[in-house]
Amino acid sequence: MKLLNAALIALFCGPAWADRQTFPPVDEASQDPTLEAFRADLRAKVAARDLEGVMAATCPEIYTSHGDPDGSETFRANLTIDPETLPEADRRHAATIREDYWRDLETTLAQPGYFDEDGEFWMPYQWRLTLPAKLDPFTAYFVTGQDVTLRQAPNRGAPILDLISHEVVIVPDYLEEAEYQGVILTDGTRGYVYSDFLWSMVGYRAAFVTSDSGDWQLCTFVAGD
């Protein structure tokens, strides 16, 4: 993350609420036609669940975890999921776990992205935002839509408090499988947002890097702080 968000700093590190800020999506991929072509081809391979095609586009040392071993074999294992490698209670869910990983990869590669100072291309674009050090990053979420309704209660019929677009919000207690999540905006407003519009700020991100031969490769696909 690169860009410092003054509104978030004021909200979480100071005594007063901050003004809200929006960060409209900007996809910088068009700056490099070779990258655009690589991304389109890789997305097609992921959509087709073409394991060998995806592996051919991957760095040998792809970064996939903050703790477990990295590398293409780990990435391959995540894309295939051998049930025998899972805890016994999870083995019957191997197909679901495998498909979830493919779907997360597909969704991440579909996001707009940006070039960092080293020329690497990162997705999603909101990964460039810097969160305040005092903020628990696992409670920060990015609202991915335009004019998303902020409701007074967690249901579609509840009164609309506001419309929010491409903002960082805080979800103090994320509820898995819940249709709506309780959020706090940077101006202190509280309400509920439809879960599908919330992307964790420690969620999956991906990076493309050029090899020594000048070809693009997928060299990072990881989640976590």
C-alpha atoms as a PDB file:
ATOM      1  CA  MET A   1       0.000   0.000   0.000  1.00  0.00           C
ATOM      2  CA  LYS A   2       1.429   3.339  -1.026  1.00  0.00           C
ATOM      3  CA  LEU A   3      -0.941   6.311  -0.748  1.00  0.00           C
ATOM      4  CA  LEU A   4      -1.527   7.736   2.718  1.00  0.00           C
ATOM      5  CA  ASN A   5      -5.197   8.347   3.484  1.00  0.00           C
ATOM      6  CA  ALA A   6      -5.498  11.531   5.586  1.00  0.00           C
ATOM      7  CA  ALA A   7      -9.172  10.977   6.321  1.00  0.00           C
ATOM      8  CA  LEU A   8      -8.503   7.577   7.838  1.00  0.00           C
ATOM      9  CA  ILE A   9      -5.613   8.923   9.886  1.00  0.00           C
ATOM     10  CA  ALA A  10      -7.806  11.683  11.291  1.00  0.00           C
ATOM     11  CA  LEU A  11     -10.564   9.223  12.075  1.00  0.00           C
ATOM     12  CA  PHE A  12      -8.541   6.528  13.803  1.00  0.00           C
ATOM     13  CA  CYS A  13      -5.558   8.419  15.161  1.00  0.00           C
ATOM     14  CA  GLY A  14      -7.143  11.703  16.202  1.00  0.00           C
ATOM     15  CA  PRO A  15      -9.973  12.938  18.405  1.00  0.00           C
ATOM     16  CA  ALA A  16     -12.305  14.134  15.643  1.00  0.00           C
ATOM     17  CA  TRP A  17     -14.218  12.463  12.871  1.00  0.00           C
ATOM     18  CA  ALA A  18     -12.843  12.992   9.386  1.00  0.00           C
ATOM     19  CA  ASP A  19     -14.331  14.007   6.083  1.00  0.00           C
ATOM     20  CA  ARG A  20     -15.222  11.147   3.795  1.00  0.00           C
ATOM     21  CA  GLN A  21     -13.098  10.417   0.743  1.00  0.00           C
ATOM     22  CA  THR A  22     -13.800   8.408  -2.367  1.00  0.00           C
ATOM     23  CA  PHE A  23     -11.225   6.581  -4.460  1.00  0.00           C
ATOM     24  CA  PRO A  24     -12.777   6.011  -7.909  1.00  0.00           C
ATOM     25  CA  PRO A  25     -11.360   3.039  -9.805  1.00  0.00           C
ATOM     26  CA  VAL A  26      -8.560   3.793 -12.245  1.00  0.00           C
ATOM     27  CA  ASP A  27      -7.067   0.947 -14.250  1.00  0.00           C
ATOM     28  CA  GLU A  28      -3.525   1.731 -15.373  1.00  0.00           C
ATOM     29  CA  ALA A  29      -3.166  -1.441 -17.450  1.00  0.00           C
ATOM     30  CA  SER A  30      -3.853   0.532 -20.637  1.00  0.00           C
ATOM     31  CA  GLN A  31      -0.434   2.155 -20.208  1.00  0.00           C
ATOM     32  CA  ASP A  32       1.167  -1.101 -21.417  1.00  0.00           C
ATOM     33  CA  PRO A  33      -0.499  -3.048 -24.245  1.00  0.00           C
ATOM     34  CA  THR A  34       1.654  -6.114 -23.545  1.00  0.00           C
ATOM     35  CA  LEU A  35       0.336  -6.230 -19.997  1.00  0.00           C
ATOM     36  CA  GLU A  36      -3.241  -5.793 -21.178  1.00  0.00           C
ATOM     37  CA  ALA A  37      -2.820  -8.726 -23.541  1.00  0.00           C
ATOM     38  CA  PHE A  38      -1.202 -10.882 -20.847  1.00  0.00           C
ATOM     39  CA  ARG A  39      -3.956 -10.141 -18.349  1.00  0.00           C
ATOM     40  CA  ALA A  40      -6.721 -10.870 -20.854  1.00  0.00           C
ATOM     41  CA  ASP A  41      -5.110 -14.179 -21.795  1.00  0.00           C
ATOM     42  CA  LEU A  42      -4.562 -15.192 -18.174  1.00  0.00           C
ATOM     43  CA  ARG A  43      -8.128 -14.278 -17.225  1.00  0.00           C
ATOM     44  CA  ALA A  44      -9.415 -16.462 -20.068  1.00  0.00           C
ATOM     45  CA  LYS A  45      -7.293 -19.366 -18.838  1.00  0.00           C
ATOM     46  CA  VAL A  46      -8.531 -18.924 -15.278  1.00  0.00           C
ATOM     47  CA  ALA A  47     -12.146 -18.743 -16.458  1.00  0.00           C
ATOM     48  CA  ALA A  48     -11.606 -22.017 -18.344  1.00  0.00           C
ATOM     49  CA  ARG A  49      -9.934 -23.555 -15.256  1.00  0.00           C
ATOM     50  CA  ASP A  50      -6.915 -24.272 -17.483  1.00  0.00           C
ATOM     51  CA  LEU A  51      -4.452 -25.410 -14.822  1.00  0.00           C
ATOM     52  CA  GLU A  52      -1.437 -25.869 -17.085  1.00  0.00           C
ATOM     53  CA  GLY A  53      -2.110 -22.616 -18.910  1.00  0.00           C
ATOM     54  CA  VAL A  54      -2.216 -20.717 -15.627  1.00  0.00           C
ATOM     55  CA  MET A  55       0.919 -22.431 -14.355  1.00  0.00           C
ATOM     56  CA  ALA A  56       2.771 -21.502 -17.541  1.00  0.00           C
ATOM     57  CA  ALA A  57       2.031 -17.826 -16.814  1.00  0.00           C
ATOM     58  CA  THR A  58       3.252 -18.047 -13.217  1.00  0.00           C
ATOM     59  CA  CYS A  59       6.587 -17.170 -11.612  1.00  0.00           C
ATOM     60  CA  PRO A  60       8.484 -20.215 -10.310  1.00  0.00           C
ATOM     61  CA  GLU A  61       8.743 -18.390  -6.967  1.00  0.00           C
ATOM     62  CA  ILE A  62       5.172 -17.008  -6.861  1.00  0.00           C
ATOM     63  CA  TYR A  63       4.340 -15.534  -3.446  1.00  0.00           C
ATOM     64  CA  THR A  64       1.213 -17.216  -2.075  1.00  0.00           C
ATOM     65  CA  SER A  65       1.389 -17.047   1.714  1.00  0.00           C
ATOM     66  CA  HIS A  66       2.847 -15.054   4.594  1.00  0.00           C
ATOM     67  CA  GLY A  67       3.720 -18.247   6.425  1.00  0.00           C
ATOM     68  CA  ASP A  68       3.680 -21.386   4.314  1.00  0.00           C
ATOM     69  CA  PRO A  69       6.276 -22.186   1.623  1.00  0.00           C
ATOM     70  CA  ASP A  70       5.909 -20.198  -1.593  1.00  0.00           C
ATOM     71  CA  GLY A  71       6.559 -21.268  -5.165  1.00  0.00           C
ATOM     72  CA  SER A  72       4.758 -22.744  -8.120  1.00  0.00           C
ATOM     73  CA  GLU A  73       4.227 -26.140  -6.501  1.00  0.00           C
ATOM     74  CA  THR A  74       2.380 -24.547  -3.581  1.00  0.00           C
ATOM     75  CA  PHE A  75       0.300 -22.527  -6.031  1.00  0.00           C
ATOM     76  CA  ARG A  76      -0.479 -25.684  -8.012  1.00  0.00           C
ATOM     77  CA  ALA A  77      -1.473 -27.473  -4.810  1.00  0.00           C
ATOM     78  CA  ASN A  78      -3.865 -24.622  -3.957  1.00  0.00           C
ATOM     79  CA  LEU A  79      -5.439 -24.858  -7.414  1.00  0.00           C
ATOM     80  CA  THR A  80      -5.894 -28.613  -7.236  1.00  0.00           C
ATOM     81  CA  ILE A  81      -6.434 -29.352  -3.504  1.00  0.00           C
ATOM     82  CA  ASP A  82      -5.604 -32.944  -2.736  1.00  0.00           C
ATOM     83  CA  PRO A  83      -8.176 -33.971  -0.074  1.00  0.00           C
ATOM     84  CA  GLU A  84      -5.489 -35.991   1.699  1.00  0.00           C
ATOM     85  CA  THR A  85      -3.621 -32.766   2.519  1.00  0.00           C
ATOM     86  CA  LEU A  86      -6.617 -31.353   4.421  1.00  0.00           C
ATOM     87  CA  PRO A  87      -7.719 -32.027   7.984  1.00  0.00           C
ATOM     88  CA  GLU A  88     -10.032 -35.016   8.014  1.00  0.00           C
ATOM     89  CA  ALA A  89     -13.087 -32.907   8.806  1.00  0.00           C
ATOM     90  CA  ASP A  90     -12.474 -30.748   5.700  1.00  0.00           C
ATOM     91  CA  ARG A  91     -11.729 -33.470   3.162  1.00  0.00           C
ATOM     92  CA  ARG A  92     -15.309 -33.779   1.946  1.00  0.00           C
ATOM     93  CA  HIS A  93     -15.228 -30.037   1.186  1.00  0.00           C
ATOM     94  CA  ALA A  94     -12.109 -30.233  -1.006  1.00  0.00           C
ATOM     95  CA  ALA A  95     -13.969 -29.475  -4.240  1.00  0.00           C
ATOM     96  CA  THR A  96     -15.599 -26.389  -2.705  1.00  0.00           C
ATOM     97  CA  ILE A  97     -12.298 -25.148  -1.266  1.00  0.00           C
ATOM     98  CA  ARG A  98     -10.618 -25.638  -4.651  1.00  0.00           C
ATOM     99  CA  GLU A  99     -13.352 -23.800  -6.536  1.00  0.00           C
ATOM    100  CA  ASP A 100     -13.319 -20.945  -4.008  1.00  0.00           C
ATOM    101  CA  TYR A 101      -9.587 -20.473  -4.621  1.00  0.00           C
ATOM    102  CA  TRP A 102     -10.080 -20.404  -8.401  1.00  0.00           C
ATOM    103  CA  ARG A 103     -12.973 -17.971  -8.005  1.00  0.00           C
ATOM    104  CA  ASP A 104     -10.924 -15.659  -5.772  1.00  0.00           C
ATOM    105  CA  LEU A 105      -8.157 -15.662  -8.383  1.00  0.00           C
ATOM    106  CA  GLU A 106     -10.649 -14.940 -11.151  1.00  0.00           C
ATOM    107  CA  THR A 107     -12.251 -12.089  -9.220  1.00  0.00           C
ATOM    108  CA  THR A 108      -8.922 -10.519  -8.269  1.00  0.00           C
ATOM    109  CA  LEU A 109      -7.579 -10.544 -11.829  1.00  0.00           C
ATOM    110  CA  ALA A 110     -10.771  -8.800 -12.971  1.00  0.00           C
ATOM    111  CA  GLN A 111     -10.081  -5.767 -10.765  1.00  0.00           C
ATOM    112  CA  PRO A 112      -8.538  -2.498 -11.975  1.00  0.00           C
ATOM    113  CA  GLY A 113      -4.906  -2.152 -10.988  1.00  0.00           C
ATOM    114  CA  TYR A 114      -1.904   0.135 -10.777  1.00  0.00           C
ATOM    115  CA  PHE A 115       1.841   0.182 -11.388  1.00  0.00           C
ATOM    116  CA  ASP A 116       4.053   0.562  -8.320  1.00  0.00           C
ATOM    117  CA  GLU A 117       7.414   2.349  -8.245  1.00  0.00           C
ATOM    118  CA  ASP A 118       9.169  -0.847  -9.352  1.00  0.00           C
ATOM    119  CA  GLY A 119       6.985  -1.288 -12.419  1.00  0.00           C
ATOM    120  CA  GLU A 120       5.010  -4.188 -10.956  1.00  0.00           C
ATOM    121  CA  PHE A 121       1.287  -4.205 -11.684  1.00  0.00           C
ATOM    122  CA  TRP A 122      -1.010  -4.776  -8.675  1.00  0.00           C
ATOM    123  CA  MET A 123      -4.700  -5.594  -8.404  1.00  0.00           C
ATOM    124  CA  PRO A 124      -7.049  -4.467  -6.907  1.00  0.00           C
ATOM    125  CA  TYR A 125      -6.238  -0.782  -7.232  1.00  0.00           C
ATOM    126  CA  GLN A 126      -7.294   0.033  -3.632  1.00  0.00           C
ATOM    127  CA  TRP A 127      -4.303  -1.976  -2.390  1.00  0.00           C
ATOM    128  CA  ARG A 128      -2.242   1.188  -2.951  1.00  0.00           C
ATOM    129  CA  LEU A 129      -3.983   2.904  -0.007  1.00  0.00           C
ATOM    130  CA  THR A 130      -2.064   3.088   3.258  1.00  0.00           C
ATOM    131  CA  LEU A 131      -4.066   2.438   6.410  1.00  0.00           C
ATOM    132  CA  PRO A 132      -3.132   4.103   9.724  1.00  0.00           C
ATOM    133  CA  ALA A 133      -0.811   2.026  11.865  1.00  0.00           C
ATOM    134  CA  LYS A 134      -3.245   2.129  14.815  1.00  0.00           C
ATOM    135  CA  LEU A 135      -6.077   0.675  12.757  1.00  0.00           C
ATOM    136  CA  ASP A 136      -6.662  -3.068  12.786  1.00  0.00           C
ATOM    137  CA  PRO A 137      -6.452  -3.753   9.029  1.00  0.00           C
ATOM    138  CA  PHE A 138      -8.715  -6.777   9.387  1.00  0.00           C
ATOM    139  CA  THR A 139     -11.625  -4.436  10.195  1.00  0.00           C
ATOM    140  CA  ALA A 140     -11.093  -2.210   7.121  1.00  0.00           C
ATOM    141  CA  TYR A 141     -13.110  -2.855   3.973  1.00  0.00           C
ATOM    142  CA  PHE A 142     -13.365  -1.097   0.634  1.00  0.00           C
ATOM    143  CA  VAL A 143     -16.770  -0.358  -0.875  1.00  0.00           C
ATOM    144  CA  THR A 144     -16.355  -1.518  -4.464  1.00  0.00           C
ATOM    145  CA  GLY A 145     -19.516  -0.070  -5.995  1.00  0.00           C
ATOM    146  CA  GLN A 146     -20.936   3.283  -7.038  1.00  0.00           C
ATOM    147  CA  ASP A 147     -23.881   4.696  -5.050  1.00  0.00           C
ATOM    148  CA  VAL A 148     -24.131   1.693  -2.750  1.00  0.00           C
ATOM    149  CA  THR A 149     -26.976   2.089  -0.275  1.00  0.00           C
ATOM    150  CA  LEU A 150     -26.172   2.562   3.384  1.00  0.00           C
ATOM    151  CA  ARG A 151     -29.226   1.368   5.258  1.00  0.00           C
ATOM    152  CA  GLN A 152     -30.522   1.948   8.757  1.00  0.00           C
ATOM    153  CA  ALA A 153     -31.004  -1.777   9.389  1.00  0.00           C
ATOM    154  CA  PRO A 154     -29.651  -4.986   7.812  1.00  0.00           C
ATOM    155  CA  ASN A 155     -32.445  -5.597   5.313  1.00  0.00           C
ATOM    156  CA  ARG A 156     -33.470  -4.377   1.864  1.00  0.00           C
ATOM    157  CA  GLY A 157     -36.576  -2.628   3.158  1.00  0.00           C
ATOM    158  CA  ALA A 158     -34.761  -0.478   5.727  1.00  0.00           C
ATOM    159  CA  PRO A 159     -34.558   3.304   5.209  1.00  0.00           C
ATOM    160  CA  ILE A 160     -31.592   4.529   3.173  1.00  0.00           C
ATOM    161  CA  LEU A 161     -29.243   6.748   5.154  1.00  0.00           C
ATOM    162  CA  ASP A 162     -26.810   7.600   2.367  1.00  0.00           C
ATOM    163  CA  LEU A 163     -25.194   6.444  -0.865  1.00  0.00           C
ATOM    164  CA  ILE A 164     -21.513   5.560  -0.702  1.00  0.00           C
ATOM    165  CA  SER A 165     -19.001   5.021  -3.496  1.00  0.00           C
ATOM    166  CA  HIS A 166     -15.484   3.581  -3.428  1.00  0.00           C
ATOM    167  CA  GLU A 167     -14.803   4.391   0.226  1.00  0.00           C
ATOM    168  CA  VAL A 168     -12.905   2.687   3.024  1.00  0.00           C
ATOM    169  CA  VAL A 169     -15.227   1.755   5.881  1.00  0.00           C
ATOM    170  CA  ILE A 170     -14.787  -0.085   9.142  1.00  0.00           C
ATOM    171  CA  VAL A 171     -16.621  -3.333   9.846  1.00  0.00           C
ATOM    172  CA  PRO A 172     -16.088  -3.929  13.579  1.00  0.00           C
ATOM    173  CA  ASP A 173     -17.635  -7.401  13.544  1.00  0.00           C
ATOM    174  CA  TYR A 174     -17.791  -9.062  10.132  1.00  0.00           C
ATOM    175  CA  LEU A 175     -20.421 -11.801  10.092  1.00  0.00           C
ATOM    176  CA  GLU A 176     -19.747 -14.657   7.677  1.00  0.00           C
ATOM    177  CA  GLU A 177     -22.730 -15.560   5.495  1.00  0.00           C
ATOM    178  CA  ALA A 178     -24.606 -12.394   6.560  1.00  0.00           C
ATOM    179  CA  GLU A 179     -26.355 -10.507   3.765  1.00  0.00           C
ATOM    180  CA  TYR A 180     -25.554  -7.129   5.346  1.00  0.00           C
ATOM    181  CA  GLN A 181     -22.658  -5.915   7.496  1.00  0.00           C
ATOM    182  CA  GLY A 182     -22.655  -3.156  10.091  1.00  0.00           C
ATOM    183  CA  VAL A 183     -20.190  -0.453   9.018  1.00  0.00           C
ATOM    184  CA  ILE A 184     -18.760   2.844  10.251  1.00  0.00           C
ATOM    185  CA  LEU A 185     -17.924   5.545   7.705  1.00  0.00           C
ATOM    186  CA  THR A 186     -14.947   7.854   8.195  1.00  0.00           C
ATOM    187  CA  ASP A 187     -17.295  10.676   9.267  1.00  0.00           C
ATOM    188  CA  GLY A 188     -18.690   8.484  12.043  1.00  0.00           C
ATOM    189  CA  THR A 189     -21.942   7.545  10.317  1.00  0.00           C
ATOM    190  CA  ARG A 190     -23.098   4.028  11.127  1.00  0.00           C
ATOM    191  CA  GLY A 191     -25.292   1.814   9.007  1.00  0.00           C
ATOM    192  CA  TYR A 192     -25.477  -1.416   7.055  1.00  0.00           C
ATOM    193  CA  VAL A 193     -24.029  -2.286   3.641  1.00  0.00           C
ATOM    194  CA  TYR A 194     -24.741  -5.270   1.413  1.00  0.00           C
ATOM    195  CA  SER A 195     -21.877  -7.716   1.914  1.00  0.00           C
ATOM    196  CA  ASP A 196     -21.156  -8.245  -1.798  1.00  0.00           C
ATOM    197  CA  PHE A 197     -19.909  -4.646  -2.066  1.00  0.00           C
ATOM    198  CA  LEU A 198     -17.262  -5.020   0.653  1.00  0.00           C
ATOM    199  CA  TRP A 199     -13.686  -6.069  -0.187  1.00  0.00           C
ATOM    200  CA  SER A 200     -11.380  -6.690   2.750  1.00  0.00           C
ATOM    201  CA  MET A 201      -8.323  -4.448   2.782  1.00  0.00           C
ATOM    202  CA  VAL A 202      -6.319  -7.564   3.666  1.00  0.00           C
ATOM    203  CA  GLY A 203      -8.116  -9.636   1.048  1.00  0.00           C
ATOM    204  CA  TYR A 204      -6.597 -11.227  -2.026  1.00  0.00           C
ATOM    205  CA  ARG A 205      -4.313  -9.193  -4.261  1.00  0.00           C
ATOM    206  CA  ALA A 206      -2.226 -10.165  -7.249  1.00  0.00           C
ATOM    207  CA  ALA A 207       0.867  -8.765  -8.933  1.00  0.00           C
ATOM    208  CA  PHE A 208       2.321  -9.128 -12.420  1.00  0.00           C
ATOM    209  CA  VAL A 209       6.075  -8.781 -12.889  1.00  0.00           C
ATOM    210  CA  THR A 210       8.212  -8.870 -16.035  1.00  0.00           C
ATOM    211  CA  SER A 211      10.748 -11.682 -16.314  1.00  0.00           C
ATOM    212  CA  ASP A 212      14.348 -11.268 -17.491  1.00  0.00           C
ATOM    213  CA  SER A 213      13.107 -11.992 -21.001  1.00  0.00           C
ATOM    214  CA  GLY A 214      10.547  -9.191 -20.761  1.00  0.00           C
ATOM    215  CA  ASP A 215       7.481 -11.398 -20.492  1.00  0.00           C
ATOM    216  CA  TRP A 216       4.815 -10.734 -17.874  1.00  0.00           C
ATOM    217  CA  GLN A 217       4.226 -13.333 -15.163  1.00  0.00           C
ATOM    218  CA  LEU A 218       1.858 -13.744 -12.219  1.00  0.00           C
ATOM    219  CA  CYS A 219       4.244 -13.470  -9.253  1.00  0.00           C
ATOM    220  CA  THR A 220       1.948 -12.759  -6.278  1.00  0.00           C
ATOM    221  CA  PHE A 221      -1.449 -14.054  -5.257  1.00  0.00           C
ATOM    222  CA  VAL A 222      -1.895 -13.705  -1.533  1.00  0.00           C
ATOM    223  CA  ALA A 223      -4.247 -12.543   1.213  1.00  0.00           C
ATOM    224  CA  GLY A 224      -3.564 -11.286   4.747  1.00  0.00           C
ATOM    225  CA  ASP A 225      -1.860  -8.345   6.384  1.00  0.00           C
END
